[in-house]
Amino acid sequence: MIDWEMMRKVLDKFFDDCAKYGKSDVKCPYCGTPLECRDFGVSYEVRCQTPNCFRQGFRGI
């Protein structure tokens, strides 16, 4: 079962670090590997470096 509050905190910390430092060392809450952000222009994705683990997409308007 997914703990949405925990995921929100992890993503908030990830985005805060990226905004302040240009990078983040926040780890995936499931497997412990670093999260990374991929920019696709109008959308982006935060994902775990482990295949088929955590992935969250975001799209701007």
PDB file of N, CA and C in Angstrom:
ATOM      1  N   MET A   1       0.831  -1.175   0.000  1.00  0.00           N
ATOM      2  CA  MET A   1       0.000   0.000   0.000  1.00  0.00           C
ATOM      3  C   MET A   1       0.886   1.254   0.000  1.00  0.00           C
ATOM      4  N   ILE A   2       0.494   2.256  -0.748  1.00  0.00           N
ATOM      5  CA  ILE A   2       1.271   3.478  -0.885  1.00  0.00           C
ATOM      6  C   ILE A   2       0.892   4.457   0.217  1.00  0.00           C
ATOM      7  N   ASP A   3       1.884   5.001   0.886  1.00  0.00           N
ATOM      8  CA  ASP A   3       1.674   6.038   1.881  1.00  0.00           C
ATOM      9  C   ASP A   3       1.821   7.385   1.162  1.00  0.00           C
ATOM     10  N   TRP A   4       0.698   7.991   0.787  1.00  0.00           N
ATOM     11  CA  TRP A   4       0.713   9.219  -0.017  1.00  0.00           C
ATOM     12  C   TRP A   4       1.331  10.388   0.722  1.00  0.00           C
ATOM     13  N   GLU A   5       1.163  10.452   2.024  1.00  0.00           N
ATOM     14  CA  GLU A   5       1.760  11.539   2.804  1.00  0.00           C
ATOM     15  C   GLU A   5       3.286  11.444   2.767  1.00  0.00           C
ATOM     16  N   MET A   6       3.816  10.229   2.884  1.00  0.00           N
ATOM     17  CA  MET A   6       5.259  10.032   2.808  1.00  0.00           C
ATOM     18  C   MET A   6       5.773  10.420   1.425  1.00  0.00           C
ATOM     19  N   MET A   7       5.046  10.021   0.373  1.00  0.00           N
ATOM     20  CA  MET A   7       5.481  10.351  -0.987  1.00  0.00           C
ATOM     21  C   MET A   7       5.471  11.858  -1.218  1.00  0.00           C
ATOM     22  N   ARG A   8       4.481  12.553  -0.675  1.00  0.00           N
ATOM     23  CA  ARG A   8       4.418  14.008  -0.813  1.00  0.00           C
ATOM     24  C   ARG A   8       5.628  14.656  -0.147  1.00  0.00           C
ATOM     25  N   LYS A   9       6.003  14.163   1.035  1.00  0.00           N
ATOM     26  CA  LYS A   9       7.165  14.706   1.739  1.00  0.00           C
ATOM     27  C   LYS A   9       8.457  14.444   0.977  1.00  0.00           C
ATOM     28  N   VAL A  10       8.594  13.252   0.416  1.00  0.00           N
ATOM     29  CA  VAL A  10       9.787  12.916  -0.366  1.00  0.00           C
ATOM     30  C   VAL A  10       9.890  13.833  -1.585  1.00  0.00           C
ATOM     31  N   LEU A  11       8.785  14.016  -2.314  1.00  0.00           N
ATOM     32  CA  LEU A  11       8.802  14.872  -3.500  1.00  0.00           C
ATOM     33  C   LEU A  11       9.016  16.334  -3.136  1.00  0.00           C
ATOM     34  N   ASP A  12       8.420  16.803  -2.039  1.00  0.00           N
ATOM     35  CA  ASP A  12       8.651  18.182  -1.600  1.00  0.00           C
ATOM     36  C   ASP A  12      10.123  18.412  -1.294  1.00  0.00           C
ATOM     37  N   LYS A  13      10.742  17.483  -0.584  1.00  0.00           N
ATOM     38  CA  LYS A  13      12.172  17.592  -0.250  1.00  0.00           C
ATOM     39  C   LYS A  13      13.011  17.568  -1.524  1.00  0.00           C
ATOM     40  N   PHE A  14      12.673  16.689  -2.460  1.00  0.00           N
ATOM     41  CA  PHE A  14      13.394  16.596  -3.725  1.00  0.00           C
ATOM     42  C   PHE A  14      13.336  17.922  -4.485  1.00  0.00           C
ATOM     43  N   PHE A  15      12.134  18.508  -4.616  1.00  0.00           N
ATOM     44  CA  PHE A  15      11.979  19.763  -5.345  1.00  0.00           C
ATOM     45  C   PHE A  15      12.637  20.930  -4.615  1.00  0.00           C
ATOM     46  N   ASP A  16      12.566  20.959  -3.292  1.00  0.00           N
ATOM     47  CA  ASP A  16      13.238  22.020  -2.530  1.00  0.00           C
ATOM     48  C   ASP A  16      14.749  21.977  -2.747  1.00  0.00           C
ATOM     49  N   ASP A  17      15.330  20.781  -2.666  1.00  0.00           N
ATOM     50  CA  ASP A  17      16.769  20.635  -2.892  1.00  0.00           C
ATOM     51  C   ASP A  17      17.156  21.056  -4.303  1.00  0.00           C
ATOM     52  N   CYS A  18      16.374  20.631  -5.298  1.00  0.00           N
ATOM     53  CA  CYS A  18      16.680  20.986  -6.691  1.00  0.00           C
ATOM     54  C   CYS A  18      16.602  22.495  -6.903  1.00  0.00           C
ATOM     55  N   ALA A  19      15.632  23.149  -6.269  1.00  0.00           N
ATOM     56  CA  ALA A  19      15.495  24.599  -6.411  1.00  0.00           C
ATOM     57  C   ALA A  19      16.641  25.337  -5.731  1.00  0.00           C
ATOM     58  N   LYS A  20      17.101  24.858  -4.587  1.00  0.00           N
ATOM     59  CA  LYS A  20      18.165  25.531  -3.841  1.00  0.00           C
ATOM     60  C   LYS A  20      19.553  25.230  -4.384  1.00  0.00           C
ATOM     61  N   TYR A  21      19.815  23.957  -4.707  1.00  0.00           N
ATOM     62  CA  TYR A  21      21.171  23.521  -5.023  1.00  0.00           C
ATOM     63  C   TYR A  21      21.361  23.059  -6.473  1.00  0.00           C
ATOM     64  N   GLY A  22      20.273  22.911  -7.207  1.00  0.00           N
ATOM     65  CA  GLY A  22      20.363  22.427  -8.582  1.00  0.00           C
ATOM     66  C   GLY A  22      20.468  20.917  -8.686  1.00  0.00           C
ATOM     67  N   LYS A  23      20.431  20.247  -7.554  1.00  0.00           N
ATOM     68  CA  LYS A  23      20.477  18.781  -7.513  1.00  0.00           C
ATOM     69  C   LYS A  23      19.906  18.326  -6.187  1.00  0.00           C
ATOM     70  N   SER A  24      19.710  17.036  -6.051  1.00  0.00           N
ATOM     71  CA  SER A  24      19.169  16.490  -4.817  1.00  0.00           C
ATOM     72  C   SER A  24      19.765  15.116  -4.557  1.00  0.00           C
ATOM     73  N   ASP A  25      19.926  14.796  -3.284  1.00  0.00           N
ATOM     74  CA  ASP A  25      20.401  13.462  -2.900  1.00  0.00           C
ATOM     75  C   ASP A  25      19.291  12.655  -2.230  1.00  0.00           C
ATOM     76  N   VAL A  26      18.040  13.049  -2.457  1.00  0.00           N
ATOM     77  CA  VAL A  26      16.896  12.336  -1.880  1.00  0.00           C
ATOM     78  C   VAL A  26      16.827  10.934  -2.475  1.00  0.00           C
ATOM     79  N   LYS A  27      16.601   9.970  -1.607  1.00  0.00           N
ATOM     80  CA  LYS A  27      16.565   8.565  -2.020  1.00  0.00           C
ATOM     81  C   LYS A  27      15.130   8.082  -2.199  1.00  0.00           C
ATOM     82  N   CYS A  28      14.975   7.082  -3.030  1.00  0.00           N
ATOM     83  CA  CYS A  28      13.686   6.442  -3.249  1.00  0.00           C
ATOM     84  C   CYS A  28      13.219   5.803  -1.936  1.00  0.00           C
ATOM     85  N   PRO A  29      11.985   6.049  -1.532  1.00  0.00           N
ATOM     86  CA  PRO A  29      11.514   5.462  -0.270  1.00  0.00           C
ATOM     87  C   PRO A  29      11.315   3.951  -0.339  1.00  0.00           C
ATOM     88  N   TYR A  30      11.300   3.386  -1.530  1.00  0.00           N
ATOM     89  CA  TYR A  30      11.085   1.948  -1.680  1.00  0.00           C
ATOM     90  C   TYR A  30      12.384   1.150  -1.714  1.00  0.00           C
ATOM     91  N   CYS A  31      13.376   1.626  -2.488  1.00  0.00           N
ATOM     92  CA  CYS A  31      14.597   0.817  -2.641  1.00  0.00           C
ATOM     93  C   CYS A  31      15.870   1.528  -2.188  1.00  0.00           C
ATOM     94  N   GLY A  32      15.808   2.848  -1.954  1.00  0.00           N
ATOM     95  CA  GLY A  32      16.966   3.559  -1.422  1.00  0.00           C
ATOM     96  C   GLY A  32      17.946   4.099  -2.446  1.00  0.00           C
ATOM     97  N   THR A  33      17.672   3.962  -3.738  1.00  0.00           N
ATOM     98  CA  THR A  33      18.563   4.554  -4.740  1.00  0.00           C
ATOM     99  C   THR A  33      18.151   6.007  -4.989  1.00  0.00           C
ATOM    100  N   PRO A  34      19.060   6.844  -5.477  1.00  0.00           N
ATOM    101  CA  PRO A  34      18.745   8.263  -5.678  1.00  0.00           C
ATOM    102  C   PRO A  34      17.636   8.481  -6.704  1.00  0.00           C
ATOM    103  N   LEU A  35      16.846   9.520  -6.457  1.00  0.00           N
ATOM    104  CA  LEU A  35      15.823   9.929  -7.417  1.00  0.00           C
ATOM    105  C   LEU A  35      16.461  10.870  -8.433  1.00  0.00           C
ATOM    106  N   GLU A  36      15.893  10.910  -9.627  1.00  0.00           N
ATOM    107  CA  GLU A  36      16.367  11.817 -10.666  1.00  0.00           C
ATOM    108  C   GLU A  36      15.166  12.456 -11.345  1.00  0.00           C
ATOM    109  N   CYS A  37      15.398  13.605 -11.954  1.00  0.00           N
ATOM    110  CA  CYS A  37      14.338  14.327 -12.636  1.00  0.00           C
ATOM    111  C   CYS A  37      14.666  14.385 -14.121  1.00  0.00           C
ATOM    112  N   ARG A  38      13.682  14.087 -14.944  1.00  0.00           N
ATOM    113  CA  ARG A  38      13.835  14.174 -16.396  1.00  0.00           C
ATOM    114  C   ARG A  38      12.889  15.244 -16.916  1.00  0.00           C
ATOM    115  N   ASP A  39      13.437  16.168 -17.680  1.00  0.00           N
ATOM    116  CA  ASP A  39      12.656  17.283 -18.216  1.00  0.00           C
ATOM    117  C   ASP A  39      12.321  16.997 -19.674  1.00  0.00           C
ATOM    118  N   PHE A  40      11.034  17.078 -20.019  1.00  0.00           N
ATOM    119  CA  PHE A  40      10.574  16.829 -21.379  1.00  0.00           C
ATOM    120  C   PHE A  40       9.988  18.082 -22.025  1.00  0.00           C
ATOM    121  N   GLY A  41      10.343  19.259 -21.521  1.00  0.00           N
ATOM    122  CA  GLY A  41       9.831  20.500 -22.075  1.00  0.00           C
ATOM    123  C   GLY A  41       8.557  20.946 -21.382  1.00  0.00           C
ATOM    124  N   VAL A  42       7.419  20.385 -21.756  1.00  0.00           N
ATOM    125  CA  VAL A  42       6.145  20.762 -21.144  1.00  0.00           C
ATOM    126  C   VAL A  42       5.778  19.855 -19.977  1.00  0.00           C
ATOM    127  N   SER A  43       6.533  18.805 -19.766  1.00  0.00           N
ATOM    128  CA  SER A  43       6.295  17.913 -18.643  1.00  0.00           C
ATOM    129  C   SER A  43       7.631  17.431 -18.100  1.00  0.00           C
ATOM    130  N   TYR A  44       7.597  16.859 -16.936  1.00  0.00           N
ATOM    131  CA  TYR A  44       8.797  16.267 -16.364  1.00  0.00           C
ATOM    132  C   TYR A  44       8.398  15.092 -15.493  1.00  0.00           C
ATOM    133  N   GLU A  45       9.406  14.331 -15.128  1.00  0.00           N
ATOM    134  CA  GLU A  45       9.166  13.097 -14.396  1.00  0.00           C
ATOM    135  C   GLU A  45      10.239  12.930 -13.331  1.00  0.00           C
ATOM    136  N   VAL A  46       9.820  12.583 -12.143  1.00  0.00           N
ATOM    137  CA  VAL A  46      10.731  12.220 -11.065  1.00  0.00           C
ATOM    138  C   VAL A  46      10.672  10.713 -10.974  1.00  0.00           C
ATOM    139  N   ARG A  47      11.847  10.090 -11.031  1.00  0.00           N
ATOM    140  CA  ARG A  47      11.855   8.629 -11.014  1.00  0.00           C
ATOM    141  C   ARG A  47      13.061   8.098 -10.267  1.00  0.00           C
ATOM    142  N   CYS A  48      12.906   6.893  -9.820  1.00  0.00           N
ATOM    143  CA  CYS A  48      13.981   6.143  -9.193  1.00  0.00           C
ATOM    144  C   CYS A  48      14.909   5.635 -10.286  1.00  0.00           C
ATOM    145  N   GLN A  49      16.183   5.483  -9.979  1.00  0.00           N
ATOM    146  CA  GLN A  49      17.127   4.980 -10.968  1.00  0.00           C
ATOM    147  C   GLN A  49      16.992   3.472 -11.169  1.00  0.00           C
ATOM    148  N   THR A  50      16.270   2.797 -10.297  1.00  0.00           N
ATOM    149  CA  THR A  50      16.027   1.367 -10.443  1.00  0.00           C
ATOM    150  C   THR A  50      14.852   1.162 -11.406  1.00  0.00           C
ATOM    151  N   PRO A  51      15.021   0.350 -12.443  1.00  0.00           N
ATOM    152  CA  PRO A  51      13.911   0.122 -13.387  1.00  0.00           C
ATOM    153  C   PRO A  51      12.673  -0.449 -12.685  1.00  0.00           C
ATOM    154  N   ASN A  52      11.513   0.015 -13.112  1.00  0.00           N
ATOM    155  CA  ASN A  52      10.212  -0.467 -12.611  1.00  0.00           C
ATOM    156  C   ASN A  52      10.005  -0.258 -11.117  1.00  0.00           C
ATOM    157  N   CYS A  53      10.575   0.812 -10.576  1.00  0.00           N
ATOM    158  CA  CYS A  53      10.369   1.118  -9.160  1.00  0.00           C
ATOM    159  C   CYS A  53       9.437   2.324  -9.066  1.00  0.00           C
ATOM    160  N   PHE A  54       9.909   3.452  -8.611  1.00  0.00           N
ATOM    161  CA  PHE A  54       9.068   4.630  -8.430  1.00  0.00           C
ATOM    162  C   PHE A  54       9.167   5.565  -9.634  1.00  0.00           C
ATOM    163  N   ARG A  55       8.021   6.102 -10.060  1.00  0.00           N
ATOM    164  CA  ARG A  55       7.989   7.089 -11.144  1.00  0.00           C
ATOM    165  C   ARG A  55       6.746   7.951 -10.968  1.00  0.00           C
ATOM    166  N   GLN A  56       6.941   9.268 -11.028  1.00  0.00           N
ATOM    167  CA  GLN A  56       5.831  10.206 -10.909  1.00  0.00           C
ATOM    168  C   GLN A  56       5.987  11.269 -11.978  1.00  0.00           C
ATOM    169  N   GLY A  57       4.971  11.437 -12.820  1.00  0.00           N
ATOM    170  CA  GLY A  57       5.005  12.431 -13.881  1.00  0.00           C
ATOM    171  C   GLY A  57       4.233  13.677 -13.504  1.00  0.00           C
ATOM    172  N   PHE A  58       4.668  14.820 -14.037  1.00  0.00           N
ATOM    173  CA  PHE A  58       4.031  16.098 -13.810  1.00  0.00           C
ATOM    174  C   PHE A  58       3.932  16.812 -15.144  1.00  0.00           C
ATOM    175  N   ARG A  59       2.844  17.545 -15.329  1.00  0.00           N
ATOM    176  CA  ARG A  59       2.641  18.268 -16.581  1.00  0.00           C
ATOM    177  C   ARG A  59       2.142  19.671 -16.278  1.00  0.00           C
ATOM    178  N   GLY A  60       2.759  20.661 -16.886  1.00  0.00           N
ATOM    179  CA  GLY A  60       2.350  22.040 -16.698  1.00  0.00           C
ATOM    180  C   GLY A  60       1.309  22.444 -17.729  1.00  0.00           C
ATOM    181  N   ILE A  61       0.659  23.564 -17.472  1.00  0.00           N
ATOM    182  CA  ILE A  61      -0.320  24.086 -18.437  1.00  0.00           C
ATOM    183  C   ILE A  61       0.077  25.483 -18.848  1.00  0.00           C
TER     184      ILE A  61
END
